[in-house]
Amino acid sequence: MPPDDLETPPTPEQDARDRRAANIFLLMAGAVLVGAGLWLADAMIDARRADDCMSSGRRNCNPIETPGR
């Protein structure tokens, strides 16, 4: 009598469904990583611009915008 914890082998349809789910997950994870990388690069560029501005002695590097009346 075989042990109860052994599973039957997956069918080709189950394999295809599992591969599809894994591919979708990897695609979404890749998109999140690319988005995070772009956000980080943009933040670093802004920080570099502010640092360059302050290094040149200017005082209005990050002006505060006020709404018009």
PDB file of N, CA and C in Angstrom:
ATOM      1  N   MET A   1       0.841  -1.165   0.000  1.00  0.00           N
ATOM      2  CA  MET A   1       0.000   0.000   0.000  1.00  0.00           C
ATOM      3  C   MET A   1       0.898   1.244   0.000  1.00  0.00           C
ATOM      4  N   PRO A   2       0.722   2.190  -0.972  1.00  0.00           N
ATOM      5  CA  PRO A   2       1.576   3.377  -1.050  1.00  0.00           C
ATOM      6  C   PRO A   2       1.207   4.375   0.044  1.00  0.00           C
ATOM      7  N   PRO A   3       2.190   5.184   0.454  1.00  0.00           N
ATOM      8  CA  PRO A   3       1.909   6.206   1.473  1.00  0.00           C
ATOM      9  C   PRO A   3       0.925   7.238   0.943  1.00  0.00           C
ATOM     10  N   ASP A   4       0.166   7.847   1.842  1.00  0.00           N
ATOM     11  CA  ASP A   4      -0.857   8.827   1.452  1.00  0.00           C
ATOM     12  C   ASP A   4      -0.275  10.174   1.051  1.00  0.00           C
ATOM     13  N   ASP A   5       0.985  10.452   1.416  1.00  0.00           N
ATOM     14  CA  ASP A   5       1.542  11.770   1.125  1.00  0.00           C
ATOM     15  C   ASP A   5       2.099  11.896  -0.293  1.00  0.00           C
ATOM     16  N   LEU A   6       2.076  10.842  -1.075  1.00  0.00           N
ATOM     17  CA  LEU A   6       2.543  10.917  -2.462  1.00  0.00           C
ATOM     18  C   LEU A   6       1.415  11.454  -3.338  1.00  0.00           C
ATOM     19  N   GLU A   7       1.757  12.362  -4.233  1.00  0.00           N
ATOM     20  CA  GLU A   7       0.764  12.946  -5.125  1.00  0.00           C
ATOM     21  C   GLU A   7       0.832  12.255  -6.470  1.00  0.00           C
ATOM     22  N   THR A   8      -0.245  12.338  -7.200  1.00  0.00           N
ATOM     23  CA  THR A   8      -0.239  11.829  -8.568  1.00  0.00           C
ATOM     24  C   THR A   8       0.519  12.833  -9.425  1.00  0.00           C
ATOM     25  N   PRO A   9       1.161  12.380 -10.480  1.00  0.00           N
ATOM     26  CA  PRO A   9       1.906  13.328 -11.330  1.00  0.00           C
ATOM     27  C   PRO A   9       0.947  14.328 -11.984  1.00  0.00           C
ATOM     28  N   PRO A  10       1.396  15.581 -12.125  1.00  0.00           N
ATOM     29  CA  PRO A  10       0.510  16.593 -12.715  1.00  0.00           C
ATOM     30  C   PRO A  10       0.241  16.302 -14.185  1.00  0.00           C
ATOM     31  N   THR A  11      -0.924  16.688 -14.621  1.00  0.00           N
ATOM     32  CA  THR A  11      -1.293  16.525 -16.025  1.00  0.00           C
ATOM     33  C   THR A  11      -0.636  17.640 -16.838  1.00  0.00           C
ATOM     34  N   PRO A  12      -0.561  17.475 -18.148  1.00  0.00           N
ATOM     35  CA  PRO A  12       0.022  18.556 -18.981  1.00  0.00           C
ATOM     36  C   PRO A  12      -0.733  19.874 -18.840  1.00  0.00           C
ATOM     37  N   GLU A  13      -2.052  19.808 -18.629  1.00  0.00           N
ATOM     38  CA  GLU A  13      -2.820  21.044 -18.447  1.00  0.00           C
ATOM     39  C   GLU A  13      -2.419  21.746 -17.151  1.00  0.00           C
ATOM     40  N   GLN A  14      -2.196  20.962 -16.100  1.00  0.00           N
ATOM     41  CA  GLN A  14      -1.762  21.551 -14.832  1.00  0.00           C
ATOM     42  C   GLN A  14      -0.363  22.144 -14.961  1.00  0.00           C
ATOM     43  N   ASP A  15       0.522  21.455 -15.692  1.00  0.00           N
ATOM     44  CA  ASP A  15       1.868  21.988 -15.918  1.00  0.00           C
ATOM     45  C   ASP A  15       1.810  23.311 -16.671  1.00  0.00           C
ATOM     46  N   ALA A  16       0.978  23.374 -17.709  1.00  0.00           N
ATOM     47  CA  ALA A  16       0.864  24.593 -18.502  1.00  0.00           C
ATOM     48  C   ALA A  16       0.304  25.730 -17.646  1.00  0.00           C
ATOM     49  N   ARG A  17      -0.686  25.432 -16.813  1.00  0.00           N
ATOM     50  CA  ARG A  17      -1.281  26.448 -15.952  1.00  0.00           C
ATOM     51  C   ARG A  17      -0.255  26.950 -14.934  1.00  0.00           C
ATOM     52  N   ASP A  18       0.537  26.041 -14.381  1.00  0.00           N
ATOM     53  CA  ASP A  18       1.569  26.437 -13.419  1.00  0.00           C
ATOM     54  C   ASP A  18       2.644  27.295 -14.077  1.00  0.00           C
ATOM     55  N   ARG A  19       3.053  26.929 -15.281  1.00  0.00           N
ATOM     56  CA  ARG A  19       4.064  27.724 -16.006  1.00  0.00           C
ATOM     57  C   ARG A  19       3.523  29.104 -16.323  1.00  0.00           C
ATOM     58  N   ARG A  20       2.253  29.168 -16.752  1.00  0.00           N
ATOM     59  CA  ARG A  20       1.641  30.448 -17.083  1.00  0.00           C
ATOM     60  C   ARG A  20       1.581  31.339 -15.843  1.00  0.00           C
ATOM     61  N   ALA A  21       1.187  30.779 -14.718  1.00  0.00           N
ATOM     62  CA  ALA A  21       1.116  31.557 -13.475  1.00  0.00           C
ATOM     63  C   ALA A  21       2.510  32.037 -13.063  1.00  0.00           C
ATOM     64  N   ALA A  22       3.506  31.191 -13.197  1.00  0.00           N
ATOM     65  CA  ALA A  22       4.872  31.585 -12.846  1.00  0.00           C
ATOM     66  C   ALA A  22       5.371  32.685 -13.779  1.00  0.00           C
ATOM     67  N   ASN A  23       5.061  32.579 -15.060  1.00  0.00           N
ATOM     68  CA  ASN A  23       5.489  33.611 -16.013  1.00  0.00           C
ATOM     69  C   ASN A  23       4.826  34.947 -15.720  1.00  0.00           C
ATOM     70  N   ILE A  24       3.539  34.925 -15.383  1.00  0.00           N
ATOM     71  CA  ILE A  24       2.840  36.171 -15.055  1.00  0.00           C
ATOM     72  C   ILE A  24       3.447  36.791 -13.799  1.00  0.00           C
ATOM     73  N   PHE A  25       3.708  35.964 -12.793  1.00  0.00           N
ATOM     74  CA  PHE A  25       4.322  36.478 -11.567  1.00  0.00           C
ATOM     75  C   PHE A  25       5.690  37.086 -11.855  1.00  0.00           C
ATOM     76  N   LEU A  26       6.509  36.412 -12.642  1.00  0.00           N
ATOM     77  CA  LEU A  26       7.848  36.932 -12.952  1.00  0.00           C
ATOM     78  C   LEU A  26       7.764  38.224 -13.764  1.00  0.00           C
ATOM     79  N   LEU A  27       6.796  38.308 -14.668  1.00  0.00           N
ATOM     80  CA  LEU A  27       6.612  39.531 -15.448  1.00  0.00           C
ATOM     81  C   LEU A  27       6.227  40.697 -14.543  1.00  0.00           C
ATOM     82  N   MET A  28       5.319  40.456 -13.611  1.00  0.00           N
ATOM     83  CA  MET A  28       4.911  41.516 -12.690  1.00  0.00           C
ATOM     84  C   MET A  28       6.070  41.916 -11.770  1.00  0.00           C
ATOM     85  N   ALA A  29       6.820  40.945 -11.281  1.00  0.00           N
ATOM     86  CA  ALA A  29       7.966  41.253 -10.422  1.00  0.00           C
ATOM     87  C   ALA A  29       9.011  42.061 -11.197  1.00  0.00           C
ATOM     88  N   GLY A  30       9.233  41.707 -12.445  1.00  0.00           N
ATOM     89  CA  GLY A  30      10.173  42.461 -13.276  1.00  0.00           C
ATOM     90  C   GLY A  30       9.702  43.889 -13.499  1.00  0.00           C
ATOM     91  N   ALA A  31       8.399  44.063 -13.726  1.00  0.00           N
ATOM     92  CA  ALA A  31       7.859  45.408 -13.918  1.00  0.00           C
ATOM     93  C   ALA A  31       8.020  46.243 -12.653  1.00  0.00           C
ATOM     94  N   VAL A  32       7.803  45.639 -11.503  1.00  0.00           N
ATOM     95  CA  VAL A  32       7.984  46.364 -10.238  1.00  0.00           C
ATOM     96  C   VAL A  32       9.448  46.760 -10.066  1.00  0.00           C
ATOM     97  N   LEU A  33      10.365  45.853 -10.381  1.00  0.00           N
ATOM     98  CA  LEU A  33      11.789  46.176 -10.250  1.00  0.00           C
ATOM     99  C   LEU A  33      12.207  47.290 -11.201  1.00  0.00           C
ATOM    100  N   VAL A  34      11.710  47.258 -12.423  1.00  0.00           N
ATOM    101  CA  VAL A  34      12.046  48.319 -13.381  1.00  0.00           C
ATOM    102  C   VAL A  34      11.476  49.649 -12.901  1.00  0.00           C
ATOM    103  N   GLY A  35      10.241  49.640 -12.419  1.00  0.00           N
ATOM    104  CA  GLY A  35       9.631  50.870 -11.904  1.00  0.00           C
ATOM    105  C   GLY A  35      10.405  51.428 -10.719  1.00  0.00           C
ATOM    106  N   ALA A  36      10.801  50.559  -9.799  1.00  0.00           N
ATOM    107  CA  ALA A  36      11.583  51.005  -8.643  1.00  0.00           C
ATOM    108  C   ALA A  36      12.934  51.558  -9.086  1.00  0.00           C
ATOM    109  N   GLY A  37      13.544  50.938 -10.075  1.00  0.00           N
ATOM    110  CA  GLY A  37      14.823  51.428 -10.581  1.00  0.00           C
ATOM    111  C   GLY A  37      14.693  52.801 -11.230  1.00  0.00           C
ATOM    112  N   LEU A  38      13.621  53.003 -11.995  1.00  0.00           N
ATOM    113  CA  LEU A  38      13.406  54.306 -12.623  1.00  0.00           C
ATOM    114  C   LEU A  38      13.136  55.380 -11.570  1.00  0.00           C
ATOM    115  N   TRP A  39      12.347  55.036 -10.553  1.00  0.00           N
ATOM    116  CA  TRP A  39      12.068  55.994  -9.484  1.00  0.00           C
ATOM    117  C   TRP A  39      13.361  56.363  -8.754  1.00  0.00           C
ATOM    118  N   LEU A  40      14.190  55.376  -8.463  1.00  0.00           N
ATOM    119  CA  LEU A  40      15.448  55.622  -7.764  1.00  0.00           C
ATOM    120  C   LEU A  40      16.387  56.475  -8.613  1.00  0.00           C
ATOM    121  N   ALA A  41      16.474  56.193  -9.896  1.00  0.00           N
ATOM    122  CA  ALA A  41      17.332  56.987 -10.776  1.00  0.00           C
ATOM    123  C   ALA A  41      16.849  58.431 -10.830  1.00  0.00           C
ATOM    124  N   ASP A  42      15.529  58.635 -10.901  1.00  0.00           N
ATOM    125  CA  ASP A  42      14.983  59.992 -10.929  1.00  0.00           C
ATOM    126  C   ASP A  42      15.284  60.731  -9.628  1.00  0.00           C
ATOM    127  N   ALA A  43      15.149  60.044  -8.506  1.00  0.00           N
ATOM    128  CA  ALA A  43      15.447  60.666  -7.216  1.00  0.00           C
ATOM    129  C   ALA A  43      16.922  61.042  -7.119  1.00  0.00           C
ATOM    130  N   MET A  44      17.796  60.196  -7.640  1.00  0.00           N
ATOM    131  CA  MET A  44      19.228  60.491  -7.605  1.00  0.00           C
ATOM    132  C   MET A  44      19.569  61.678  -8.507  1.00  0.00           C
ATOM    133  N   ILE A  45      18.914  61.780  -9.650  1.00  0.00           N
ATOM    134  CA  ILE A  45      19.143  62.911 -10.553  1.00  0.00           C
ATOM    135  C   ILE A  45      18.693  64.207  -9.892  1.00  0.00           C
ATOM    136  N   ASP A  46      17.525  64.183  -9.247  1.00  0.00           N
ATOM    137  CA  ASP A  46      17.048  65.386  -8.548  1.00  0.00           C
ATOM    138  C   ASP A  46      17.999  65.787  -7.427  1.00  0.00           C
ATOM    139  N   ALA A  47      18.494  64.815  -6.680  1.00  0.00           N
ATOM    140  CA  ALA A  47      19.429  65.113  -5.595  1.00  0.00           C
ATOM    141  C   ALA A  47      20.730  65.694  -6.145  1.00  0.00           C
ATOM    142  N   ARG A  48      21.199  65.173  -7.266  1.00  0.00           N
ATOM    143  CA  ARG A  48      22.430  65.697  -7.865  1.00  0.00           C
ATOM    144  C   ARG A  48      22.232  67.133  -8.337  1.00  0.00           C
ATOM    145  N   ARG A  49      21.080  67.411  -8.946  1.00  0.00           N
ATOM    146  CA  ARG A  49      20.807  68.781  -9.397  1.00  0.00           C
ATOM    147  C   ARG A  49      20.764  69.752  -8.217  1.00  0.00           C
ATOM    148  N   ALA A  50      20.111  69.343  -7.135  1.00  0.00           N
ATOM    149  CA  ALA A  50      20.037  70.212  -5.952  1.00  0.00           C
ATOM    150  C   ALA A  50      21.428  70.412  -5.364  1.00  0.00           C
ATOM    151  N   ASP A  51      22.236  69.371  -5.322  1.00  0.00           N
ATOM    152  CA  ASP A  51      23.593  69.486  -4.788  1.00  0.00           C
ATOM    153  C   ASP A  51      24.440  70.402  -5.658  1.00  0.00           C
ATOM    154  N   ASP A  52      24.338  70.269  -6.963  1.00  0.00           N
ATOM    155  CA  ASP A  52      25.083  71.151  -7.868  1.00  0.00           C
ATOM    156  C   ASP A  52      24.662  72.601  -7.680  1.00  0.00           C
ATOM    157  N   CYS A  53      23.359  72.806  -7.492  1.00  0.00           N
ATOM    158  CA  CYS A  53      22.854  74.168  -7.306  1.00  0.00           C
ATOM    159  C   CYS A  53      23.395  74.765  -6.013  1.00  0.00           C
ATOM    160  N   MET A  54      23.338  74.002  -4.936  1.00  0.00           N
ATOM    161  CA  MET A  54      23.827  74.510  -3.644  1.00  0.00           C
ATOM    162  C   MET A  54      25.338  74.700  -3.662  1.00  0.00           C
ATOM    163  N   SER A  55      26.049  73.848  -4.365  1.00  0.00           N
ATOM    164  CA  SER A  55      27.508  73.965  -4.447  1.00  0.00           C
ATOM    165  C   SER A  55      27.935  75.228  -5.178  1.00  0.00           C
ATOM    166  N   SER A  56      27.082  75.699  -6.103  1.00  0.00           N
ATOM    167  CA  SER A  56      27.431  76.904  -6.845  1.00  0.00           C
ATOM    168  C   SER A  56      27.103  78.172  -6.067  1.00  0.00           C
ATOM    169  N   GLY A  57      26.513  78.017  -4.875  1.00  0.00           N
ATOM    170  CA  GLY A  57      26.276  79.170  -4.018  1.00  0.00           C
ATOM    171  C   GLY A  57      24.907  79.794  -4.174  1.00  0.00           C
ATOM    172  N   ARG A  58      24.057  79.237  -4.972  1.00  0.00           N
ATOM    173  CA  ARG A  58      22.713  79.803  -5.133  1.00  0.00           C
ATOM    174  C   ARG A  58      21.855  79.463  -3.923  1.00  0.00           C
ATOM    175  N   ARG A  59      20.866  80.303  -3.667  1.00  0.00           N
ATOM    176  CA  ARG A  59      20.027  80.107  -2.492  1.00  0.00           C
ATOM    177  C   ARG A  59      18.632  79.619  -2.847  1.00  0.00           C
ATOM    178  N   ASN A  60      18.210  79.743  -4.076  1.00  0.00           N
ATOM    179  CA  ASN A  60      16.843  79.369  -4.447  1.00  0.00           C
ATOM    180  C   ASN A  60      16.840  78.060  -5.252  1.00  0.00           C
ATOM    181  N   CYS A  61      17.511  77.075  -4.752  1.00  0.00           N
ATOM    182  CA  CYS A  61      17.632  75.811  -5.486  1.00  0.00           C
ATOM    183  C   CYS A  61      16.321  75.037  -5.530  1.00  0.00           C
ATOM    184  N   ASN A  62      15.549  75.081  -4.471  1.00  0.00           N
ATOM    185  CA  ASN A  62      14.261  74.411  -4.416  1.00  0.00           C
ATOM    186  C   ASN A  62      13.193  75.429  -4.062  1.00  0.00           C
ATOM    187  N   PRO A  63      12.765  76.236  -5.048  1.00  0.00           N
ATOM    188  CA  PRO A  63      11.775  77.283  -4.736  1.00  0.00           C
ATOM    189  C   PRO A  63      10.444  76.666  -4.317  1.00  0.00           C
ATOM    190  N   ILE A  64       9.781  77.364  -3.423  1.00  0.00           N
ATOM    191  CA  ILE A  64       8.461  76.929  -2.951  1.00  0.00           C
ATOM    192  C   ILE A  64       7.426  77.581  -3.838  1.00  0.00           C
ATOM    193  N   GLU A  65       6.595  76.772  -4.440  1.00  0.00           N
ATOM    194  CA  GLU A  65       5.557  77.314  -5.326  1.00  0.00           C
ATOM    195  C   GLU A  65       4.307  77.595  -4.502  1.00  0.00           C
ATOM    196  N   THR A  66       3.808  78.818  -4.648  1.00  0.00           N
ATOM    197  CA  THR A  66       2.591  79.190  -3.951  1.00  0.00           C
ATOM    198  C   THR A  66       1.457  79.303  -4.962  1.00  0.00           C
ATOM    199  N   PRO A  67       0.247  78.967  -4.564  1.00  0.00           N
ATOM    200  CA  PRO A  67      -0.864  79.085  -5.513  1.00  0.00           C
ATOM    201  C   PRO A  67      -1.166  80.555  -5.812  1.00  0.00           C
ATOM    202  N   GLY A  68      -1.587  80.800  -7.026  1.00  0.00           N
ATOM    203  CA  GLY A  68      -1.934  82.179  -7.422  1.00  0.00           C
ATOM    204  C   GLY A  68      -3.207  82.633  -6.759  1.00  0.00           C
ATOM    205  N   ARG A  69      -3.367  83.948  -6.699  1.00  0.00           N
ATOM    206  CA  ARG A  69      -4.563  84.492  -6.038  1.00  0.00           C
ATOM    207  C   ARG A  69      -5.684  84.665  -7.006  1.00  0.00           C
TER     208      ARG A  69
END
